[in-house]
Amino acid sequence: MENHQLKDFYNDGFGWICKLCERDFKEAEEVSDRKLSRLMSEGEAESKQPKFSNLALAKWADKTNQTLMCPRCGITESFEKL
């Protein structure tokens, strides 16, 4: 696996994660009193609005896959494959 260093995103092996949003979610999780197991909050969604375990997952902003974008905060970063 190639190791690309980006300022605002990192790859966890599953996808690109926005560092800023992930930090916000971790801080909110620490403050929250809700302590459900992942089994109870993930898996097959029975509602029409499933909740993902990582809401900071980025997506490609262009067809050439050279710009990552966080759908939550809108931050973008250029990514050039070597």
PDB file of N, CA and C in Angstrom:
ATOM      1  N   MET A   1       0.847  -1.189   0.000  1.00  0.00           N
ATOM      2  CA  MET A   1       0.000   0.000   0.000  1.00  0.00           C
ATOM      3  C   MET A   1       0.887   1.245   0.000  1.00  0.00           C
ATOM      4  N   GLU A   2       0.548   2.173  -0.866  1.00  0.00           N
ATOM      5  CA  GLU A   2       1.314   3.409  -0.945  1.00  0.00           C
ATOM      6  C   GLU A   2       0.995   4.278   0.263  1.00  0.00           C
ATOM      7  N   ASN A   3       2.005   5.001   0.729  1.00  0.00           N
ATOM      8  CA  ASN A   3       1.830   5.859   1.886  1.00  0.00           C
ATOM      9  C   ASN A   3       1.802   7.312   1.426  1.00  0.00           C
ATOM     10  N   HIS A   4       0.639   7.909   1.402  1.00  0.00           N
ATOM     11  CA  HIS A   4       0.480   9.309   1.019  1.00  0.00           C
ATOM     12  C   HIS A   4       0.184  10.125   2.265  1.00  0.00           C
ATOM     13  N   GLN A   5       0.928  11.191   2.459  1.00  0.00           N
ATOM     14  CA  GLN A   5       0.730  12.065   3.607  1.00  0.00           C
ATOM     15  C   GLN A   5      -0.074  13.284   3.156  1.00  0.00           C
ATOM     16  N   LEU A   6      -1.210  13.473   3.766  1.00  0.00           N
ATOM     17  CA  LEU A   6      -2.037  14.630   3.483  1.00  0.00           C
ATOM     18  C   LEU A   6      -2.237  15.417   4.775  1.00  0.00           C
ATOM     19  N   LYS A   7      -2.480  16.697   4.634  1.00  0.00           N
ATOM     20  CA  LYS A   7      -2.628  17.568   5.794  1.00  0.00           C
ATOM     21  C   LYS A   7      -3.968  17.358   6.512  1.00  0.00           C
ATOM     22  N   ASP A   8      -5.049  17.226   5.754  1.00  0.00           N
ATOM     23  CA  ASP A   8      -6.382  17.197   6.344  1.00  0.00           C
ATOM     24  C   ASP A   8      -7.064  15.830   6.340  1.00  0.00           C
ATOM     25  N   PHE A   9      -6.468  14.843   5.675  1.00  0.00           N
ATOM     26  CA  PHE A   9      -7.073  13.522   5.566  1.00  0.00           C
ATOM     27  C   PHE A   9      -6.025  12.445   5.819  1.00  0.00           C
ATOM     28  N   TYR A  10      -6.482  11.275   6.260  1.00  0.00           N
ATOM     29  CA  TYR A  10      -5.612  10.109   6.353  1.00  0.00           C
ATOM     30  C   TYR A  10      -6.401   8.882   5.922  1.00  0.00           C
ATOM     31  N   ASN A  11      -5.695   7.853   5.481  1.00  0.00           N
ATOM     32  CA  ASN A  11      -6.341   6.622   5.037  1.00  0.00           C
ATOM     33  C   ASN A  11      -6.204   5.577   6.124  1.00  0.00           C
ATOM     34  N   ASP A  12      -7.336   5.058   6.575  1.00  0.00           N
ATOM     35  CA  ASP A  12      -7.330   4.049   7.645  1.00  0.00           C
ATOM     36  C   ASP A  12      -7.383   2.631   7.098  1.00  0.00           C
ATOM     37  N   GLY A  13      -7.234   2.466   5.793  1.00  0.00           N
ATOM     38  CA  GLY A  13      -7.306   1.155   5.172  1.00  0.00           C
ATOM     39  C   GLY A  13      -8.684   0.866   4.612  1.00  0.00           C
ATOM     40  N   PHE A  14      -9.676   1.595   5.075  1.00  0.00           N
ATOM     41  CA  PHE A  14     -11.049   1.436   4.598  1.00  0.00           C
ATOM     42  C   PHE A  14     -11.439   2.591   3.689  1.00  0.00           C
ATOM     43  N   GLY A  15     -10.888   3.764   3.952  1.00  0.00           N
ATOM     44  CA  GLY A  15     -11.211   4.961   3.182  1.00  0.00           C
ATOM     45  C   GLY A  15     -10.482   6.157   3.768  1.00  0.00           C
ATOM     46  N   TRP A  16     -10.666   7.299   3.140  1.00  0.00           N
ATOM     47  CA  TRP A  16     -10.025   8.533   3.587  1.00  0.00           C
ATOM     48  C   TRP A  16     -10.899   9.208   4.629  1.00  0.00           C
ATOM     49  N   ILE A  17     -10.285   9.611   5.740  1.00  0.00           N
ATOM     50  CA  ILE A  17     -10.979  10.186   6.885  1.00  0.00           C
ATOM     51  C   ILE A  17     -10.551  11.645   7.066  1.00  0.00           C
ATOM     52  N   CYS A  18     -11.535  12.516   7.286  1.00  0.00           N
ATOM     53  CA  CYS A  18     -11.261  13.923   7.572  1.00  0.00           C
ATOM     54  C   CYS A  18     -10.779  14.018   9.020  1.00  0.00           C
ATOM     55  N   LYS A  19      -9.571  14.515   9.221  1.00  0.00           N
ATOM     56  CA  LYS A  19      -8.992  14.598  10.567  1.00  0.00           C
ATOM     57  C   LYS A  19      -9.778  15.542  11.477  1.00  0.00           C
ATOM     58  N   LEU A  20     -10.218  16.676  10.945  1.00  0.00           N
ATOM     59  CA  LEU A  20     -10.938  17.670  11.743  1.00  0.00           C
ATOM     60  C   LEU A  20     -12.284  17.126  12.221  1.00  0.00           C
ATOM     61  N   CYS A  21     -13.051  16.532  11.321  1.00  0.00           N
ATOM     62  CA  CYS A  21     -14.371  16.014  11.702  1.00  0.00           C
ATOM     63  C   CYS A  21     -14.238  14.822  12.635  1.00  0.00           C
ATOM     64  N   GLU A  22     -13.256  13.971  12.399  1.00  0.00           N
ATOM     65  CA  GLU A  22     -13.062  12.831  13.284  1.00  0.00           C
ATOM     66  C   GLU A  22     -12.760  13.290  14.704  1.00  0.00           C
ATOM     67  N   ARG A  23     -11.942  14.316  14.836  1.00  0.00           N
ATOM     68  CA  ARG A  23     -11.627  14.875  16.152  1.00  0.00           C
ATOM     69  C   ARG A  23     -12.890  15.414  16.823  1.00  0.00           C
ATOM     70  N   ASP A  24     -13.744  16.109  16.048  1.00  0.00           N
ATOM     71  CA  ASP A  24     -14.999  16.627  16.593  1.00  0.00           C
ATOM     72  C   ASP A  24     -15.887  15.495  17.097  1.00  0.00           C
ATOM     73  N   PHE A  25     -15.991  14.408  16.316  1.00  0.00           N
ATOM     74  CA  PHE A  25     -16.831  13.280  16.707  1.00  0.00           C
ATOM     75  C   PHE A  25     -16.286  12.577  17.943  1.00  0.00           C
ATOM     76  N   LYS A  26     -14.965  12.441  18.030  1.00  0.00           N
ATOM     77  CA  LYS A  26     -14.377  11.786  19.199  1.00  0.00           C
ATOM     78  C   LYS A  26     -14.608  12.602  20.459  1.00  0.00           C
ATOM     79  N   GLU A  27     -14.501  13.928  20.356  1.00  0.00           N
ATOM     80  CA  GLU A  27     -14.751  14.790  21.509  1.00  0.00           C
ATOM     81  C   GLU A  27     -16.209  14.707  21.934  1.00  0.00           C
ATOM     82  N   ALA A  28     -17.124  14.702  20.979  1.00  0.00           N
ATOM     83  CA  ALA A  28     -18.550  14.612  21.295  1.00  0.00           C
ATOM     84  C   ALA A  28     -18.878  13.248  21.901  1.00  0.00           C
ATOM     85  N   GLU A  29     -18.230  12.212  21.424  1.00  0.00           N
ATOM     86  CA  GLU A  29     -18.457  10.864  21.944  1.00  0.00           C
ATOM     87  C   GLU A  29     -18.000  10.752  23.394  1.00  0.00           C
ATOM     88  N   GLU A  30     -16.884  11.408  23.724  1.00  0.00           N
ATOM     89  CA  GLU A  30     -16.378  11.368  25.093  1.00  0.00           C
ATOM     90  C   GLU A  30     -17.317  12.079  26.056  1.00  0.00           C
ATOM     91  N   VAL A  31     -17.988  13.111  25.582  1.00  0.00           N
ATOM     92  CA  VAL A  31     -18.892  13.888  26.414  1.00  0.00           C
ATOM     93  C   VAL A  31     -20.241  13.186  26.556  1.00  0.00           C
ATOM     94  N   SER A  32     -20.618  12.442  25.540  1.00  0.00           N
ATOM     95  CA  SER A  32     -21.929  11.791  25.509  1.00  0.00           C
ATOM     96  C   SER A  32     -22.054  10.723  26.592  1.00  0.00           C
ATOM     97  N   ASP A  33     -23.238  10.629  27.137  1.00  0.00           N
ATOM     98  CA  ASP A  33     -23.519   9.588  28.128  1.00  0.00           C
ATOM     99  C   ASP A  33     -23.984   8.301  27.454  1.00  0.00           C
ATOM    100  N   ARG A  34     -24.288   8.376  26.182  1.00  0.00           N
ATOM    101  CA  ARG A  34     -24.805   7.224  25.446  1.00  0.00           C
ATOM    102  C   ARG A  34     -23.673   6.242  25.198  1.00  0.00           C
ATOM    103  N   LYS A  35     -23.775   5.062  25.748  1.00  0.00           N
ATOM    104  CA  LYS A  35     -22.716   4.063  25.637  1.00  0.00           C
ATOM    105  C   LYS A  35     -23.253   2.753  25.070  1.00  0.00           C
ATOM    106  N   LEU A  36     -23.871   2.815  23.885  1.00  0.00           N
ATOM    107  CA  LEU A  36     -24.346   1.603  23.231  1.00  0.00           C
ATOM    108  C   LEU A  36     -23.180   0.897  22.550  1.00  0.00           C
ATOM    109  N   SER A  37     -23.245  -0.404  22.484  1.00  0.00           N
ATOM    110  CA  SER A  37     -22.211  -1.136  21.773  1.00  0.00           C
ATOM    111  C   SER A  37     -22.367  -0.897  20.280  1.00  0.00           C
ATOM    112  N   ARG A  38     -21.306  -1.135  19.513  1.00  0.00           N
ATOM    113  CA  ARG A  38     -21.372  -0.979  18.063  1.00  0.00           C
ATOM    114  C   ARG A  38     -22.401  -1.925  17.476  1.00  0.00           C
ATOM    115  N   LEU A  39     -22.612  -3.078  18.095  1.00  0.00           N
ATOM    116  CA  LEU A  39     -23.589  -4.043  17.623  1.00  0.00           C
ATOM    117  C   LEU A  39     -24.989  -3.432  17.582  1.00  0.00           C
ATOM    118  N   MET A  40     -25.280  -2.579  18.547  1.00  0.00           N
ATOM    119  CA  MET A  40     -26.603  -1.971  18.625  1.00  0.00           C
ATOM    120  C   MET A  40     -26.758  -0.753  17.714  1.00  0.00           C
ATOM    121  N   SER A  41     -25.661  -0.160  17.254  1.00  0.00           N
ATOM    122  CA  SER A  41     -25.763   1.051  16.445  1.00  0.00           C
ATOM    123  C   SER A  41     -25.318   0.862  15.006  1.00  0.00           C
ATOM    124  N   GLU A  42     -24.823  -0.316  14.655  1.00  0.00           N
ATOM    125  CA  GLU A  42     -24.386  -0.575  13.285  1.00  0.00           C
ATOM    126  C   GLU A  42     -25.026  -1.852  12.774  1.00  0.00           C
ATOM    127  N   GLY A  43     -24.673  -2.215  11.566  1.00  0.00           N
ATOM    128  CA  GLY A  43     -25.201  -3.446  10.992  1.00  0.00           C
ATOM    129  C   GLY A  43     -26.301  -3.126  10.013  1.00  0.00           C
ATOM    130  N   GLU A  44     -27.191  -4.069   9.826  1.00  0.00           N
ATOM    131  CA  GLU A  44     -28.278  -3.866   8.890  1.00  0.00           C
ATOM    132  C   GLU A  44     -29.193  -2.767   9.414  1.00  0.00           C
ATOM    133  N   ALA A  45     -29.421  -1.802   8.554  1.00  0.00           N
ATOM    134  CA  ALA A  45     -30.237  -0.662   8.957  1.00  0.00           C
ATOM    135  C   ALA A  45     -31.705  -0.990   8.774  1.00  0.00           C
ATOM    136  N   GLU A  46     -32.469  -0.870   9.851  1.00  0.00           N
ATOM    137  CA  GLU A  46     -33.892  -1.096   9.759  1.00  0.00           C
ATOM    138  C   GLU A  46     -34.645   0.207   9.534  1.00  0.00           C
ATOM    139  N   SER A  47     -33.965   1.317   9.719  1.00  0.00           N
ATOM    140  CA  SER A  47     -34.615   2.595   9.471  1.00  0.00           C
ATOM    141  C   SER A  47     -34.178   3.111   8.105  1.00  0.00           C
ATOM    142  N   LYS A  48     -34.823   4.170   7.672  1.00  0.00           N
ATOM    143  CA  LYS A  48     -34.481   4.758   6.376  1.00  0.00           C
ATOM    144  C   LYS A  48     -33.281   5.687   6.469  1.00  0.00           C
ATOM    145  N   GLN A  49     -32.795   5.928   7.682  1.00  0.00           N
ATOM    146  CA  GLN A  49     -31.645   6.796   7.890  1.00  0.00           C
ATOM    147  C   GLN A  49     -30.597   6.053   8.705  1.00  0.00           C
ATOM    148  N   PRO A  50     -29.801   5.193   8.043  1.00  0.00           N
ATOM    149  CA  PRO A  50     -28.789   4.437   8.795  1.00  0.00           C
ATOM    150  C   PRO A  50     -27.705   5.361   9.320  1.00  0.00           C
ATOM    151  N   LYS A  51     -27.092   4.965  10.434  1.00  0.00           N
ATOM    152  CA  LYS A  51     -26.006   5.731  11.038  1.00  0.00           C
ATOM    153  C   LYS A  51     -24.708   4.950  10.841  1.00  0.00           C
ATOM    154  N   PHE A  52     -23.738   5.564  10.216  1.00  0.00           N
ATOM    155  CA  PHE A  52     -22.463   4.917   9.973  1.00  0.00           C
ATOM    156  C   PHE A  52     -21.526   5.104  11.158  1.00  0.00           C
ATOM    157  N   SER A  53     -20.594   4.168  11.324  1.00  0.00           N
ATOM    158  CA  SER A  53     -19.676   4.252  12.457  1.00  0.00           C
ATOM    159  C   SER A  53     -18.679   5.384  12.297  1.00  0.00           C
ATOM    160  N   ASN A  54     -18.373   5.791  11.063  1.00  0.00           N
ATOM    161  CA  ASN A  54     -17.450   6.902  10.853  1.00  0.00           C
ATOM    162  C   ASN A  54     -18.093   7.929   9.935  1.00  0.00           C
ATOM    163  N   LEU A  55     -18.576   9.001  10.527  1.00  0.00           N
ATOM    164  CA  LEU A  55     -19.246  10.050   9.766  1.00  0.00           C
ATOM    165  C   LEU A  55     -18.264  11.002   9.104  1.00  0.00           C
ATOM    166  N   ALA A  56     -16.973  10.816   9.332  1.00  0.00           N
ATOM    167  CA  ALA A  56     -15.952  11.700   8.767  1.00  0.00           C
ATOM    168  C   ALA A  56     -15.339  11.124   7.492  1.00  0.00           C
ATOM    169  N   LEU A  57     -15.971  10.122   6.898  1.00  0.00           N
ATOM    170  CA  LEU A  57     -15.451   9.492   5.693  1.00  0.00           C
ATOM    171  C   LEU A  57     -15.539  10.456   4.511  1.00  0.00           C
ATOM    172  N   ALA A  58     -14.405  10.680   3.849  1.00  0.00           N
ATOM    173  CA  ALA A  58     -14.335  11.618   2.726  1.00  0.00           C
ATOM    174  C   ALA A  58     -14.753  10.930   1.432  1.00  0.00           C
ATOM    175  N   LYS A  59     -14.967  11.736   0.410  1.00  0.00           N
ATOM    176  CA  LYS A  59     -15.279  11.206  -0.916  1.00  0.00           C
ATOM    177  C   LYS A  59     -14.482  11.990  -1.951  1.00  0.00           C
ATOM    178  N   TRP A  60     -14.418  11.437  -3.148  1.00  0.00           N
ATOM    179  CA  TRP A  60     -13.706  12.112  -4.224  1.00  0.00           C
ATOM    180  C   TRP A  60     -14.571  13.246  -4.753  1.00  0.00           C
ATOM    181  N   ALA A  61     -13.971  14.414  -4.952  1.00  0.00           N
ATOM    182  CA  ALA A  61     -14.698  15.585  -5.432  1.00  0.00           C
ATOM    183  C   ALA A  61     -14.657  15.697  -6.951  1.00  0.00           C
ATOM    184  N   ASP A  62     -13.838  14.870  -7.607  1.00  0.00           N
ATOM    185  CA  ASP A  62     -13.728  14.930  -9.060  1.00  0.00           C
ATOM    186  C   ASP A  62     -13.633  13.520  -9.640  1.00  0.00           C
ATOM    187  N   LYS A  63     -13.851  13.408 -10.943  1.00  0.00           N
ATOM    188  CA  LYS A  63     -13.833  12.104 -11.605  1.00  0.00           C
ATOM    189  C   LYS A  63     -12.430  11.525 -11.740  1.00  0.00           C
ATOM    190  N   THR A  64     -11.402  12.349 -11.636  1.00  0.00           N
ATOM    191  CA  THR A  64     -10.026  11.875 -11.786  1.00  0.00           C
ATOM    192  C   THR A  64      -9.433  11.387 -10.462  1.00  0.00           C
ATOM    193  N   ASN A  65     -10.209  11.461  -9.384  1.00  0.00           N
ATOM    194  CA  ASN A  65      -9.771  11.034  -8.044  1.00  0.00           C
ATOM    195  C   ASN A  65      -8.478  11.710  -7.613  1.00  0.00           C
ATOM    196  N   GLN A  66      -8.430  13.028  -7.774  1.00  0.00           N
ATOM    197  CA  GLN A  66      -7.266  13.799  -7.352  1.00  0.00           C
ATOM    198  C   GLN A  66      -7.600  14.832  -6.285  1.00  0.00           C
ATOM    199  N   THR A  67      -8.882  14.959  -5.928  1.00  0.00           N
ATOM    200  CA  THR A  67      -9.276  15.906  -4.890  1.00  0.00           C
ATOM    201  C   THR A  67     -10.234  15.222  -3.929  1.00  0.00           C
ATOM    202  N   LEU A  68      -9.857  15.182  -2.666  1.00  0.00           N
ATOM    203  CA  LEU A  68     -10.725  14.628  -1.624  1.00  0.00           C
ATOM    204  C   LEU A  68     -11.577  15.737  -1.031  1.00  0.00           C
ATOM    205  N   MET A  69     -12.812  15.374  -0.634  1.00  0.00           N
ATOM    206  CA  MET A  69     -13.709  16.342  -0.020  1.00  0.00           C
ATOM    207  C   MET A  69     -14.445  15.677   1.136  1.00  0.00           C
ATOM    208  N   CYS A  70     -14.557  16.395   2.229  1.00  0.00           N
ATOM    209  CA  CYS A  70     -15.335  15.913   3.363  1.00  0.00           C
ATOM    210  C   CYS A  70     -16.766  16.411   3.185  1.00  0.00           C
ATOM    211  N   PRO A  71     -17.739  15.507   3.074  1.00  0.00           N
ATOM    212  CA  PRO A  71     -19.126  15.942   2.888  1.00  0.00           C
ATOM    213  C   PRO A  71     -19.698  16.684   4.096  1.00  0.00           C
ATOM    214  N   ARG A  72     -19.107  16.485   5.267  1.00  0.00           N
ATOM    215  CA  ARG A  72     -19.616  17.137   6.479  1.00  0.00           C
ATOM    216  C   ARG A  72     -19.178  18.594   6.575  1.00  0.00           C
ATOM    217  N   CYS A  73     -17.859  18.845   6.481  1.00  0.00           N
ATOM    218  CA  CYS A  73     -17.361  20.213   6.668  1.00  0.00           C
ATOM    219  C   CYS A  73     -17.001  20.916   5.360  1.00  0.00           C
ATOM    220  N   GLY A  74     -16.900  20.154   4.270  1.00  0.00           N
ATOM    221  CA  GLY A  74     -16.638  20.760   2.964  1.00  0.00           C
ATOM    222  C   GLY A  74     -15.180  21.017   2.648  1.00  0.00           C
ATOM    223  N   ILE A  75     -14.275  20.652   3.554  1.00  0.00           N
ATOM    224  CA  ILE A  75     -12.853  20.875   3.304  1.00  0.00           C
ATOM    225  C   ILE A  75     -12.387  19.993   2.139  1.00  0.00           C
ATOM    226  N   THR A  76     -11.501  20.513   1.309  1.00  0.00           N
ATOM    227  CA  THR A  76     -10.959  19.756   0.187  1.00  0.00           C
ATOM    228  C   THR A  76      -9.445  19.773   0.237  1.00  0.00           C
ATOM    229  N   GLU A  77      -8.854  18.762  -0.368  1.00  0.00           N
ATOM    230  CA  GLU A  77      -7.399  18.710  -0.459  1.00  0.00           C
ATOM    231  C   GLU A  77      -7.016  17.961  -1.735  1.00  0.00           C
ATOM    232  N   SER A  78      -6.039  18.510  -2.430  1.00  0.00           N
ATOM    233  CA  SER A  78      -5.561  17.913  -3.663  1.00  0.00           C
ATOM    234  C   SER A  78      -4.710  16.689  -3.357  1.00  0.00           C
ATOM    235  N   PHE A  79      -4.901  15.660  -4.143  1.00  0.00           N
ATOM    236  CA  PHE A  79      -4.206  14.389  -3.965  1.00  0.00           C
ATOM    237  C   PHE A  79      -3.689  13.971  -5.325  1.00  0.00           C
ATOM    238  N   GLU A  80      -2.379  13.919  -5.484  1.00  0.00           N
ATOM    239  CA  GLU A  80      -1.804  13.519  -6.757  1.00  0.00           C
ATOM    240  C   GLU A  80      -1.071  12.215  -6.602  1.00  0.00           C
ATOM    241  N   LYS A  81      -1.445  11.226  -7.413  1.00  0.00           N
ATOM    242  CA  LYS A  81      -0.796   9.934  -7.367  1.00  0.00           C
ATOM    243  C   LYS A  81       0.558  10.037  -8.047  1.00  0.00           C
ATOM    244  N   LEU A  82       1.555   9.410  -7.451  1.00  0.00           N
ATOM    245  CA  LEU A  82       2.910   9.442  -8.006  1.00  0.00           C
ATOM    246  C   LEU A  82       3.103   8.338  -9.009  1.00  0.00           C
TER     247      LEU A  82
END
